[in-house]
């Protein structure tokens, strides 16, 4: 997939770097994601010392995945779609 407005960026995670080419309009999202990952990693590293980077990465990944699932559940549009379908049906019946 070709990017329409590519931008080369380098993200830093601890001592590691990750060069990427992203859409220029998405740079902010990638930078914010970098901050979130580093913040959560540092949090778990300080809260659970001597667990190792792999365990901190696992904790951080779980943390971010749980946050994502909560957001997905909070923004479930199915009830809205059902309510709209009921309203449309009511309007259609009124017009008949």
PDB file of N, CA and C in Angstrom:
ATOM      1  N   UNK A   1       0.844  -1.180   0.000  1.00  0.00           N
ATOM      2  CA  UNK A   1       0.000   0.000   0.000  1.00  0.00           C
ATOM      3  C   UNK A   1       0.887   1.240   0.000  1.00  0.00           C
ATOM      4  N   UNK A   2       0.713   2.070  -0.964  1.00  0.00           N
ATOM      5  CA  UNK A   2       1.497   3.298  -1.064  1.00  0.00           C
ATOM      6  C   UNK A   2       0.876   4.373  -0.182  1.00  0.00           C
ATOM      7  N   UNK A   3       1.736   5.092   0.495  1.00  0.00           N
ATOM      8  CA  UNK A   3       1.271   6.184   1.343  1.00  0.00           C
ATOM      9  C   UNK A   3       1.143   7.444   0.495  1.00  0.00           C
ATOM     10  N   UNK A   4       0.074   8.197   0.728  1.00  0.00           N
ATOM     11  CA  UNK A   4      -0.156   9.386  -0.089  1.00  0.00           C
ATOM     12  C   UNK A   4       0.740  10.554   0.325  1.00  0.00           C
ATOM     13  N   UNK A   5       1.062  10.636   1.620  1.00  0.00           N
ATOM     14  CA  UNK A   5       1.917  11.717   2.113  1.00  0.00           C
ATOM     15  C   UNK A   5       2.867  11.125   3.158  1.00  0.00           C
ATOM     16  N   UNK A   6       3.870  10.359   2.708  1.00  0.00           N
ATOM     17  CA  UNK A   6       4.725   9.632   3.645  1.00  0.00           C
ATOM     18  C   UNK A   6       5.680  10.528   4.428  1.00  0.00           C
ATOM     19  N   UNK A   7       5.976  10.074   5.648  1.00  0.00           N
ATOM     20  CA  UNK A   7       6.920  10.765   6.516  1.00  0.00           C
ATOM     21  C   UNK A   7       7.752   9.713   7.217  1.00  0.00           C
ATOM     22  N   UNK A   8       9.067   9.862   7.179  1.00  0.00           N
ATOM     23  CA  UNK A   8       9.956   8.949   7.893  1.00  0.00           C
ATOM     24  C   UNK A   8      10.120   9.446   9.323  1.00  0.00           C
ATOM     25  N   UNK A   9       9.833   8.560  10.281  1.00  0.00           N
ATOM     26  CA  UNK A   9      10.005   8.904  11.691  1.00  0.00           C
ATOM     27  C   UNK A   9      10.766   7.784  12.373  1.00  0.00           C
ATOM     28  N   UNK A  10      11.331   8.076  13.510  1.00  0.00           N
ATOM     29  CA  UNK A  10      11.994   7.066  14.326  1.00  0.00           C
ATOM     30  C   UNK A  10      11.402   7.136  15.723  1.00  0.00           C
ATOM     31  N   UNK A  11      10.832   6.035  16.150  1.00  0.00           N
ATOM     32  CA  UNK A  11      10.262   5.951  17.482  1.00  0.00           C
ATOM     33  C   UNK A  11      11.286   5.302  18.392  1.00  0.00           C
ATOM     34  N   UNK A  12      11.321   5.726  19.647  1.00  0.00           N
ATOM     35  CA  UNK A  12      12.283   5.187  20.596  1.00  0.00           C
ATOM     36  C   UNK A  12      11.540   4.533  21.751  1.00  0.00           C
ATOM     37  N   UNK A  13      11.898   3.291  22.015  1.00  0.00           N
ATOM     38  CA  UNK A  13      11.329   2.524  23.111  1.00  0.00           C
ATOM     39  C   UNK A  13      12.482   2.024  23.969  1.00  0.00           C
ATOM     40  N   UNK A  14      12.697   2.696  25.104  1.00  0.00           N
ATOM     41  CA  UNK A  14      13.845   2.354  25.931  1.00  0.00           C
ATOM     42  C   UNK A  14      15.121   2.648  25.163  1.00  0.00           C
ATOM     43  N   UNK A  15      15.948   1.619  24.998  1.00  0.00           N
ATOM     44  CA  UNK A  15      17.200   1.782  24.253  1.00  0.00           C
ATOM     45  C   UNK A  15      17.048   1.376  22.787  1.00  0.00           C
ATOM     46  N   UNK A  16      15.850   0.981  22.401  1.00  0.00           N
ATOM     47  CA  UNK A  16      15.610   0.514  21.043  1.00  0.00           C
ATOM     48  C   UNK A  16      14.947   1.593  20.197  1.00  0.00           C
ATOM     49  N   UNK A  17      15.258   1.589  18.914  1.00  0.00           N
ATOM     50  CA  UNK A  17      14.622   2.521  17.991  1.00  0.00           C
ATOM     51  C   UNK A  17      13.886   1.732  16.914  1.00  0.00           C
ATOM     52  N   UNK A  18      12.853   2.344  16.393  1.00  0.00           N
ATOM     53  CA  UNK A  18      12.049   1.717  15.357  1.00  0.00           C
ATOM     54  C   UNK A  18      11.791   2.737  14.253  1.00  0.00           C
ATOM     55  N   UNK A  19      12.555   2.649  13.152  1.00  0.00           N
ATOM     56  CA  UNK A  19      12.299   3.563  12.037  1.00  0.00           C
ATOM     57  C   UNK A  19      11.038   3.127  11.304  1.00  0.00           C
ATOM     58  N   UNK A  20      10.217   4.101  10.931  1.00  0.00           N
ATOM     59  CA  UNK A  20       8.962   3.806  10.243  1.00  0.00           C
ATOM     60  C   UNK A  20       8.678   4.872   9.198  1.00  0.00           C
ATOM     61  N   UNK A  21       7.871   4.508   8.237  1.00  0.00           N
ATOM     62  CA  UNK A  21       7.327   5.458   7.280  1.00  0.00           C
ATOM     63  C   UNK A  21       5.820   5.443   7.504  1.00  0.00           C
ATOM     64  N   UNK A  22       5.266   6.603   7.853  1.00  0.00           N
ATOM     65  CA  UNK A  22       3.850   6.714   8.180  1.00  0.00           C
ATOM     66  C   UNK A  22       3.233   7.858   7.396  1.00  0.00           C
ATOM     67  N   UNK A  23       1.922   7.901   7.377  1.00  0.00           N
ATOM     68  CA  UNK A  23       1.235   9.054   6.796  1.00  0.00           C
ATOM     69  C   UNK A  23       1.565  10.268   7.662  1.00  0.00           C
ATOM     70  N   UNK A  24       1.850  11.363   7.025  1.00  0.00           N
ATOM     71  CA  UNK A  24       2.176  12.598   7.752  1.00  0.00           C
ATOM     72  C   UNK A  24       1.058  12.955   8.735  1.00  0.00           C
ATOM     73  N   UNK A  25      -0.182  12.737   8.339  1.00  0.00           N
ATOM     74  CA  UNK A  25      -1.319  13.065   9.196  1.00  0.00           C
ATOM     75  C   UNK A  25      -1.418  12.144  10.415  1.00  0.00           C
ATOM     76  N   UNK A  26      -0.733  11.009  10.374  1.00  0.00           N
ATOM     77  CA  UNK A  26      -0.756  10.059  11.497  1.00  0.00           C
ATOM     78  C   UNK A  26       0.439  10.201  12.440  1.00  0.00           C
ATOM     79  N   UNK A  27       1.355  11.105  12.144  1.00  0.00           N
ATOM     80  CA  UNK A  27       2.559  11.225  12.977  1.00  0.00           C
ATOM     81  C   UNK A  27       2.205  11.447  14.437  1.00  0.00           C
ATOM     82  N   UNK A  28       1.270  12.335  14.709  1.00  0.00           N
ATOM     83  CA  UNK A  28       0.891  12.641  16.090  1.00  0.00           C
ATOM     84  C   UNK A  28       0.420  11.376  16.824  1.00  0.00           C
ATOM     85  N   UNK A  29      -0.365  10.559  16.141  1.00  0.00           N
ATOM     86  CA  UNK A  29      -0.871   9.331  16.752  1.00  0.00           C
ATOM     87  C   UNK A  29       0.281   8.398  17.100  1.00  0.00           C
ATOM     88  N   UNK A  30       1.241   8.265  16.199  1.00  0.00           N
ATOM     89  CA  UNK A  30       2.394   7.409  16.465  1.00  0.00           C
ATOM     90  C   UNK A  30       3.235   7.952  17.624  1.00  0.00           C
ATOM     91  N   UNK A  31       3.406   9.250  17.662  1.00  0.00           N
ATOM     92  CA  UNK A  31       4.185   9.859  18.758  1.00  0.00           C
ATOM     93  C   UNK A  31       3.472   9.665  20.099  1.00  0.00           C
ATOM     94  N   UNK A  32       2.152   9.820  20.096  1.00  0.00           N
ATOM     95  CA  UNK A  32       1.388   9.616  21.326  1.00  0.00           C
ATOM     96  C   UNK A  32       1.424   8.145  21.747  1.00  0.00           C
ATOM     97  N   UNK A  33       1.372   7.242  20.783  1.00  0.00           N
ATOM     98  CA  UNK A  33       1.467   5.813  21.084  1.00  0.00           C
ATOM     99  C   UNK A  33       2.837   5.489  21.688  1.00  0.00           C
ATOM    100  N   UNK A  34       3.871   6.089  21.136  1.00  0.00           N
ATOM    101  CA  UNK A  34       5.230   5.915  21.672  1.00  0.00           C
ATOM    102  C   UNK A  34       5.274   6.351  23.137  1.00  0.00           C
ATOM    103  N   UNK A  35       4.689   7.514  23.438  1.00  0.00           N
ATOM    104  CA  UNK A  35       4.663   8.009  24.820  1.00  0.00           C
ATOM    105  C   UNK A  35       3.892   7.063  25.731  1.00  0.00           C
ATOM    106  N   UNK A  36       2.750   6.567  25.255  1.00  0.00           N
ATOM    107  CA  UNK A  36       1.930   5.655  26.053  1.00  0.00           C
ATOM    108  C   UNK A  36       2.689   4.370  26.358  1.00  0.00           C
ATOM    109  N   UNK A  37       3.316   3.796  25.355  1.00  0.00           N
ATOM    110  CA  UNK A  37       4.076   2.555  25.551  1.00  0.00           C
ATOM    111  C   UNK A  37       5.198   2.777  26.548  1.00  0.00           C
ATOM    112  N   UNK A  38       5.967   3.835  26.369  1.00  0.00           N
ATOM    113  CA  UNK A  38       7.076   4.106  27.285  1.00  0.00           C
ATOM    114  C   UNK A  38       6.583   4.394  28.701  1.00  0.00           C
ATOM    115  N   UNK A  39       5.479   5.091  28.816  1.00  0.00           N
ATOM    116  CA  UNK A  39       4.916   5.404  30.130  1.00  0.00           C
ATOM    117  C   UNK A  39       4.452   4.142  30.855  1.00  0.00           C
ATOM    118  N   UNK A  40       3.700   3.293  30.151  1.00  0.00           N
ATOM    119  CA  UNK A  40       3.188   2.068  30.777  1.00  0.00           C
ATOM    120  C   UNK A  40       4.333   1.106  31.090  1.00  0.00           C
ATOM    121  N   UNK A  41       5.322   1.027  30.215  1.00  0.00           N
ATOM    122  CA  UNK A  41       6.484   0.168  30.463  1.00  0.00           C
ATOM    123  C   UNK A  41       7.200   0.633  31.740  1.00  0.00           C
ATOM    124  N   UNK A  42       7.436   1.939  31.849  1.00  0.00           N
ATOM    125  CA  UNK A  42       8.111   2.486  33.032  1.00  0.00           C
ATOM    126  C   UNK A  42       7.303   2.236  34.294  1.00  0.00           C
ATOM    127  N   UNK A  43       5.984   2.378  34.187  1.00  0.00           N
ATOM    128  CA  UNK A  43       5.111   2.139  35.331  1.00  0.00           C
ATOM    129  C   UNK A  43       5.276   0.714  35.845  1.00  0.00           C
ATOM    130  N   UNK A  44       5.189  -0.259  34.948  1.00  0.00           N
ATOM    131  CA  UNK A  44       5.299  -1.655  35.376  1.00  0.00           C
ATOM    132  C   UNK A  44       6.708  -2.000  35.838  1.00  0.00           C
ATOM    133  N   UNK A  45       7.713  -1.408  35.215  1.00  0.00           N
ATOM    134  CA  UNK A  45       9.097  -1.653  35.636  1.00  0.00           C
ATOM    135  C   UNK A  45       9.334  -1.140  37.048  1.00  0.00           C
ATOM    136  N   UNK A  46       8.707  -0.009  37.401  1.00  0.00           N
ATOM    137  CA  UNK A  46       8.905   0.529  38.751  1.00  0.00           C
ATOM    138  C   UNK A  46       8.028  -0.190  39.777  1.00  0.00           C
ATOM    139  N   UNK A  47       6.860  -0.635  39.351  1.00  0.00           N
ATOM    140  CA  UNK A  47       5.938  -1.303  40.276  1.00  0.00           C
ATOM    141  C   UNK A  47       6.348  -2.748  40.560  1.00  0.00           C
ATOM    142  N   UNK A  48       6.914  -3.404  39.583  1.00  0.00           N
ATOM    143  CA  UNK A  48       7.320  -4.809  39.725  1.00  0.00           C
ATOM    144  C   UNK A  48       8.792  -4.956  39.342  1.00  0.00           C
ATOM    145  N   UNK A  49       9.699  -4.515  40.212  1.00  0.00           N
ATOM    146  CA  UNK A  49      11.127  -4.577  39.862  1.00  0.00           C
ATOM    147  C   UNK A  49      11.615  -6.016  39.665  1.00  0.00           C
ATOM    148  N   UNK A  50      12.650  -6.130  38.860  1.00  0.00           N
ATOM    149  CA  UNK A  50      13.355  -7.398  38.628  1.00  0.00           C
ATOM    150  C   UNK A  50      12.502  -8.450  37.919  1.00  0.00           C
ATOM    151  N   UNK A  51      11.540  -8.022  37.117  1.00  0.00           N
ATOM    152  CA  UNK A  51      10.716  -8.982  36.378  1.00  0.00           C
ATOM    153  C   UNK A  51      11.242  -9.214  34.960  1.00  0.00           C
ATOM    154  N   UNK A  52      12.013  -8.296  34.454  1.00  0.00           N
ATOM    155  CA  UNK A  52      12.574  -8.443  33.116  1.00  0.00           C
ATOM    156  C   UNK A  52      11.742  -7.736  32.063  1.00  0.00           C
ATOM    157  N   UNK A  53      12.434  -7.287  31.030  1.00  0.00           N
ATOM    158  CA  UNK A  53      11.788  -6.524  29.962  1.00  0.00           C
ATOM    159  C   UNK A  53      10.645  -7.268  29.295  1.00  0.00           C
ATOM    160  N   UNK A  54      10.807  -8.568  29.108  1.00  0.00           N
ATOM    161  CA  UNK A  54       9.759  -9.350  28.447  1.00  0.00           C
ATOM    162  C   UNK A  54       8.459  -9.318  29.258  1.00  0.00           C
ATOM    163  N   UNK A  55       8.567  -9.440  30.574  1.00  0.00           N
ATOM    164  CA  UNK A  55       7.382  -9.396  31.427  1.00  0.00           C
ATOM    165  C   UNK A  55       6.765  -8.003  31.409  1.00  0.00           C
ATOM    166  N   UNK A  56       7.589  -6.958  31.416  1.00  0.00           N
ATOM    167  CA  UNK A  56       7.060  -5.593  31.368  1.00  0.00           C
ATOM    168  C   UNK A  56       6.332  -5.349  30.050  1.00  0.00           C
ATOM    169  N   UNK A  57       6.893  -5.863  28.961  1.00  0.00           N
ATOM    170  CA  UNK A  57       6.237  -5.726  27.661  1.00  0.00           C
ATOM    171  C   UNK A  57       4.896  -6.447  27.656  1.00  0.00           C
ATOM    172  N   UNK A  58       4.851  -7.622  28.261  1.00  0.00           N
ATOM    173  CA  UNK A  58       3.602  -8.370  28.338  1.00  0.00           C
ATOM    174  C   UNK A  58       2.567  -7.612  29.153  1.00  0.00           C
ATOM    175  N   UNK A  59       2.974  -7.085  30.313  1.00  0.00           N
ATOM    176  CA  UNK A  59       2.062  -6.305  31.160  1.00  0.00           C
ATOM    177  C   UNK A  59       1.556  -5.074  30.419  1.00  0.00           C
ATOM    178  N   UNK A  60       2.474  -4.399  29.739  1.00  0.00           N
ATOM    179  CA  UNK A  60       2.120  -3.198  29.002  1.00  0.00           C
ATOM    180  C   UNK A  60       1.159  -3.530  27.866  1.00  0.00           C
ATOM    181  N   UNK A  61       1.414  -4.611  27.146  1.00  0.00           N
ATOM    182  CA  UNK A  61       0.540  -5.004  26.038  1.00  0.00           C
ATOM    183  C   UNK A  61      -0.856  -5.339  26.558  1.00  0.00           C
ATOM    184  N   UNK A  62      -0.942  -6.043  27.675  1.00  0.00           N
ATOM    185  CA  UNK A  62      -2.227  -6.369  28.260  1.00  0.00           C
ATOM    186  C   UNK A  62      -2.957  -5.093  28.689  1.00  0.00           C
ATOM    187  N   UNK A  63      -2.239  -4.184  29.312  1.00  0.00           N
ATOM    188  CA  UNK A  63      -2.811  -2.908  29.754  1.00  0.00           C
ATOM    189  C   UNK A  63      -3.431  -2.170  28.569  1.00  0.00           C
ATOM    190  N   UNK A  64      -2.687  -2.041  27.490  1.00  0.00           N
ATOM    191  CA  UNK A  64      -3.169  -1.313  26.318  1.00  0.00           C
ATOM    192  C   UNK A  64      -4.343  -2.059  25.672  1.00  0.00           C
ATOM    193  N   UNK A  65      -4.277  -3.391  25.609  1.00  0.00           N
ATOM    194  CA  UNK A  65      -5.363  -4.172  25.014  1.00  0.00           C
ATOM    195  C   UNK A  65      -6.647  -4.031  25.834  1.00  0.00           C
ATOM    196  N   UNK A  66      -6.533  -4.036  27.156  1.00  0.00           N
ATOM    197  CA  UNK A  66      -7.713  -3.870  28.018  1.00  0.00           C
ATOM    198  C   UNK A  66      -8.321  -2.485  27.808  1.00  0.00           C
ATOM    199  N   UNK A  67      -7.475  -1.464  27.718  1.00  0.00           N
ATOM    200  CA  UNK A  67      -7.978  -0.104  27.462  1.00  0.00           C
ATOM    201  C   UNK A  67      -8.724  -0.047  26.137  1.00  0.00           C
ATOM    202  N   UNK A  68      -8.168  -0.678  25.119  1.00  0.00           N
ATOM    203  CA  UNK A  68      -8.797  -0.697  23.808  1.00  0.00           C
ATOM    204  C   UNK A  68     -10.150  -1.389  23.859  1.00  0.00           C
ATOM    205  N   UNK A  69     -10.217  -2.539  24.511  1.00  0.00           N
ATOM    206  CA  UNK A  69     -11.472  -3.277  24.605  1.00  0.00           C
ATOM    207  C   UNK A  69     -12.520  -2.478  25.377  1.00  0.00           C
ATOM    208  N   UNK A  70     -12.108  -1.764  26.425  1.00  0.00           N
ATOM    209  CA  UNK A  70     -13.056  -0.924  27.167  1.00  0.00           C
ATOM    210  C   UNK A  70     -13.637   0.152  26.261  1.00  0.00           C
ATOM    211  N   UNK A  71     -12.769   0.778  25.478  1.00  0.00           N
ATOM    212  CA  UNK A  71     -13.227   1.818  24.563  1.00  0.00           C
ATOM    213  C   UNK A  71     -14.176   1.230  23.529  1.00  0.00           C
ATOM    214  N   UNK A  72     -13.844   0.059  22.997  1.00  0.00           N
ATOM    215  CA  UNK A  72     -14.710  -0.589  22.023  1.00  0.00           C
ATOM    216  C   UNK A  72     -16.076  -0.890  22.636  1.00  0.00           C
ATOM    217  N   UNK A  73     -16.098  -1.362  23.869  1.00  0.00           N
ATOM    218  CA  UNK A  73     -17.357  -1.681  24.534  1.00  0.00           C
ATOM    219  C   UNK A  73     -18.169  -0.431  24.840  1.00  0.00           C
ATOM    220  N   UNK A  74     -17.485   0.641  25.211  1.00  0.00           N
ATOM    221  CA  UNK A  74     -18.177   1.894  25.523  1.00  0.00           C
ATOM    222  C   UNK A  74     -18.764   2.540  24.284  1.00  0.00           C
ATOM    223  N   UNK A  75     -18.169   2.287  23.146  1.00  0.00           N
ATOM    224  CA  UNK A  75     -18.634   2.905  21.912  1.00  0.00           C
ATOM    225  C   UNK A  75     -19.410   1.927  21.045  1.00  0.00           C
ATOM    226  N   UNK A  76     -20.003   0.926  21.674  1.00  0.00           N
ATOM    227  CA  UNK A  76     -20.813  -0.043  20.949  1.00  0.00           C
ATOM    228  C   UNK A  76     -22.005   0.679  20.330  1.00  0.00           C
ATOM    229  N   UNK A  77     -22.087   0.659  19.046  1.00  0.00           N
ATOM    230  CA  UNK A  77     -23.136   1.397  18.353  1.00  0.00           C
ATOM    231  C   UNK A  77     -24.383   0.556  18.100  1.00  0.00           C
ATOM    232  N   UNK A  78     -24.378  -0.698  18.467  1.00  0.00           N
ATOM    233  CA  UNK A  78     -25.535  -1.563  18.204  1.00  0.00           C
ATOM    234  C   UNK A  78     -26.826  -1.026  18.830  1.00  0.00           C
ATOM    235  N   UNK A  79     -26.813  -0.583  20.107  1.00  0.00           N
ATOM    236  CA  UNK A  79     -28.057  -0.035  20.669  1.00  0.00           C
ATOM    237  C   UNK A  79     -28.563   1.185  19.900  1.00  0.00           C
ATOM    238  N   UNK A  80     -27.643   2.012  19.442  1.00  0.00           N
ATOM    239  CA  UNK A  80     -28.030   3.195  18.668  1.00  0.00           C
ATOM    240  C   UNK A  80     -28.640   2.766  17.339  1.00  0.00           C
ATOM    241  N   UNK A  81     -28.020   1.775  16.698  1.00  0.00           N
ATOM    242  CA  UNK A  81     -28.535   1.299  15.422  1.00  0.00           C
ATOM    243  C   UNK A  81     -29.930   0.708  15.577  1.00  0.00           C
ATOM    244  N   UNK A  82     -30.161  -0.031  16.661  1.00  0.00           N
ATOM    245  CA  UNK A  82     -31.484  -0.613  16.902  1.00  0.00           C
ATOM    246  C   UNK A  82     -32.519   0.482  17.140  1.00  0.00           C
ATOM    247  N   UNK A  83     -32.145   1.485  17.923  1.00  0.00           N
ATOM    248  CA  UNK A  83     -33.064   2.588  18.198  1.00  0.00           C
ATOM    249  C   UNK A  83     -33.392   3.339  16.916  1.00  0.00           C
ATOM    250  N   UNK A  84     -32.383   3.576  16.080  1.00  0.00           N
ATOM    251  CA  UNK A  84     -32.626   4.263  14.808  1.00  0.00           C
ATOM    252  C   UNK A  84     -33.518   3.438  13.884  1.00  0.00           C
ATOM    253  N   UNK A  85     -33.279   2.127  13.856  1.00  0.00           N
ATOM    254  CA  UNK A  85     -34.114   1.256  13.019  1.00  0.00           C
ATOM    255  C   UNK A  85     -35.570   1.304  13.476  1.00  0.00           C
ATOM    256  N   UNK A  86     -35.780   1.324  14.788  1.00  0.00           N
ATOM    257  CA  UNK A  86     -37.145   1.411  15.326  1.00  0.00           C
ATOM    258  C   UNK A  86     -37.788   2.743  14.952  1.00  0.00           C
ATOM    259  N   UNK A  87     -37.014   3.826  15.034  1.00  0.00           N
ATOM    260  CA  UNK A  87     -37.543   5.143  14.658  1.00  0.00           C
ATOM    261  C   UNK A  87     -37.875   5.205  13.174  1.00  0.00           C
ATOM    262  N   UNK A  88     -37.025   4.653  12.352  1.00  0.00           N
ATOM    263  CA  UNK A  88     -37.274   4.640  10.909  1.00  0.00           C
ATOM    264  C   UNK A  88     -38.557   3.854  10.622  1.00  0.00           C
ATOM    265  N   UNK A  89     -38.724   2.728  11.267  1.00  0.00           N
ATOM    266  CA  UNK A  89     -39.917   1.920  11.069  1.00  0.00           C
ATOM    267  C   UNK A  89     -41.180   2.688  11.493  1.00  0.00           C
ATOM    268  N   UNK A  90     -41.074   3.378  12.619  1.00  0.00           N
ATOM    269  CA  UNK A  90     -42.193   4.188  13.115  1.00  0.00           C
ATOM    270  C   UNK A  90     -42.545   5.306  12.136  1.00  0.00           C
ATOM    271  N   UNK A  91     -41.536   5.969  11.603  1.00  0.00           N
ATOM    272  CA  UNK A  91     -41.769   7.042  10.627  1.00  0.00           C
ATOM    273  C   UNK A  91     -42.401   6.469   9.362  1.00  0.00           C
ATOM    274  N   UNK A  92     -41.896   5.335   8.900  1.00  0.00           N
ATOM    275  CA  UNK A  92     -42.434   4.713   7.685  1.00  0.00           C
ATOM    276  C   UNK A  92     -43.898   4.335   7.872  1.00  0.00           C
ATOM    277  N   UNK A  93     -44.231   3.824   9.064  1.00  0.00           N
ATOM    278  CA  UNK A  93     -45.628   3.450   9.344  1.00  0.00           C
ATOM    279  C   UNK A  93     -46.506   4.692   9.383  1.00  0.00           C
ATOM    280  N   UNK A  94     -45.969   5.773   9.948  1.00  0.00           N
ATOM    281  CA  UNK A  94     -46.753   7.006  10.022  1.00  0.00           C
ATOM    282  C   UNK A  94     -47.010   7.597   8.627  1.00  0.00           C
ATOM    283  N   UNK A  95     -46.088   7.370   7.697  1.00  0.00           N
ATOM    284  CA  UNK A  95     -46.218   7.924   6.351  1.00  0.00           C
ATOM    285  C   UNK A  95     -47.145   7.099   5.482  1.00  0.00           C
ATOM    286  N   UNK A  96     -47.397   5.870   5.867  1.00  0.00           N
ATOM    287  CA  UNK A  96     -48.272   5.004   5.050  1.00  0.00           C
ATOM    288  C   UNK A  96     -49.715   5.355   5.185  1.00  0.00           C
TER     289      UNK A  96
END
